[in-house]
Amino acid sequence: MTETKSILEFPCQFPIKAMGKTRDDFDAIVVEIIRRHAGDIREGAISSRASKGGAYTAVTVIIEATSREQLDAIYQGLTDSPDVLMAL
């Protein structure tokens, strides 16, 4: 079996970005999904930005990532949400 080595060294600061249609609680939806897998999120680690026309919002959350499995679980949770159109 071939083992792939991660280019990330854990633990590390890791930004997660999620995009969806603009709504009042989109930030809270994204943060709640990420907290399920990352626990508390430090103050100042969340930022959001509306698209030029305001129809979409991008939320970035910087977490202390502990493993590739944790990141995979976060991205799976985000992509499973009907409110999240894209996660990067």
Protein backbone atom coordinates (compact mmCIF):
# COMPACT_ATOMS: atom_id res chain seq x y z
CA MET A 1 0.00 0.00 0.00
CA THR A 2 1.28 3.46 -0.88
CA GLU A 3 1.31 6.01 1.91
CA THR A 4 0.73 9.65 0.96
CA LYS A 5 2.43 12.26 3.08
CA SER A 6 0.55 15.43 3.91
CA ILE A 7 2.15 18.76 3.09
CA LEU A 8 0.53 20.10 6.25
CA GLU A 9 2.11 19.67 9.65
CA PHE A 10 -0.45 19.35 12.41
CA PRO A 11 -1.45 21.13 14.50
CA CYS A 12 -1.63 24.24 12.31
CA GLN A 13 -3.71 27.32 11.64
CA PHE A 14 -5.97 26.52 8.69
CA PRO A 15 -8.49 28.78 6.92
CA ILE A 16 -11.77 27.21 5.81
CA LYS A 17 -13.99 29.13 3.40
CA ALA A 18 -17.64 28.41 2.70
CA MET A 19 -19.88 30.20 0.23
CA GLY A 20 -23.66 30.34 0.03
CA LYS A 21 -26.62 32.55 -0.77
CA THR A 22 -26.75 35.60 1.46
CA ARG A 23 -29.02 35.19 4.47
CA ASP A 24 -28.93 36.59 7.99
CA ASP A 25 -27.77 33.37 9.62
CA PHE A 26 -25.31 32.04 7.03
CA ASP A 27 -22.28 32.88 9.21
CA ALA A 28 -23.86 31.05 12.15
CA ILE A 29 -24.64 27.98 10.02
CA VAL A 30 -21.04 27.70 8.82
CA VAL A 31 -19.57 28.27 12.30
CA GLU A 32 -21.89 25.68 13.86
CA ILE A 33 -20.82 23.03 11.33
CA ILE A 34 -17.13 23.78 11.89
CA ARG A 35 -17.52 23.80 15.70
CA ARG A 36 -18.85 20.23 15.58
CA HIS A 37 -15.38 19.12 14.53
CA ALA A 38 -13.04 21.86 15.75
CA GLY A 39 -14.51 22.94 19.09
CA ASP A 40 -14.19 26.54 20.14
CA ILE A 41 -13.15 29.10 17.57
CA ARG A 42 -11.02 31.94 18.81
CA GLU A 43 -12.17 35.54 18.70
CA GLY A 44 -11.34 37.28 15.44
CA ALA A 45 -11.10 33.99 13.52
CA ILE A 46 -14.32 34.54 11.56
CA SER A 47 -14.71 36.94 8.66
CA SER A 48 -17.33 37.29 5.96
CA ARG A 49 -17.70 39.14 2.72
CA ALA A 50 -20.66 39.66 0.40
CA SER A 51 -20.35 39.27 -3.34
CA LYS A 52 -20.37 42.36 -5.52
CA GLY A 53 -24.11 42.09 -6.11
CA GLY A 54 -24.81 40.96 -2.55
CA ALA A 55 -26.51 37.71 -3.55
CA TYR A 56 -23.78 35.49 -2.08
CA THR A 57 -21.66 35.51 1.06
CA ALA A 58 -18.25 33.96 1.70
CA VAL A 59 -17.36 33.09 5.29
CA THR A 60 -13.78 32.31 6.30
CA VAL A 61 -13.04 30.61 9.61
CA ILE A 62 -9.47 30.03 10.79
CA ILE A 63 -9.16 26.97 13.00
CA GLU A 64 -6.42 25.09 14.80
CA ALA A 65 -6.44 21.98 12.62
CA THR A 66 -5.30 18.83 14.37
CA SER A 67 -5.46 16.22 11.59
CA ARG A 68 -6.35 15.51 7.98
CA GLU A 69 -9.32 13.47 9.23
CA GLN A 70 -10.63 16.51 11.11
CA LEU A 71 -10.41 18.66 7.97
CA ASP A 72 -12.10 15.96 5.89
CA ALA A 73 -14.96 15.81 8.41
CA ILE A 74 -15.38 19.60 8.37
CA TYR A 75 -15.48 19.73 4.57
CA GLN A 76 -17.92 16.81 4.47
CA GLY A 77 -20.19 18.60 6.95
CA LEU A 78 -20.06 21.81 4.93
CA THR A 79 -20.74 20.14 1.58
CA ASP A 80 -23.60 18.10 3.11
CA SER A 81 -25.35 21.31 4.18
CA PRO A 82 -27.99 22.52 1.72
CA ASP A 83 -27.08 26.11 2.68
CA VAL A 84 -23.43 25.81 1.58
CA LEU A 85 -22.87 26.03 -2.16
CA MET A 86 -19.08 25.62 -2.07
CA ALA A 87 -16.37 24.95 0.50
CA LEU A 88 -12.68 25.64 -0.03
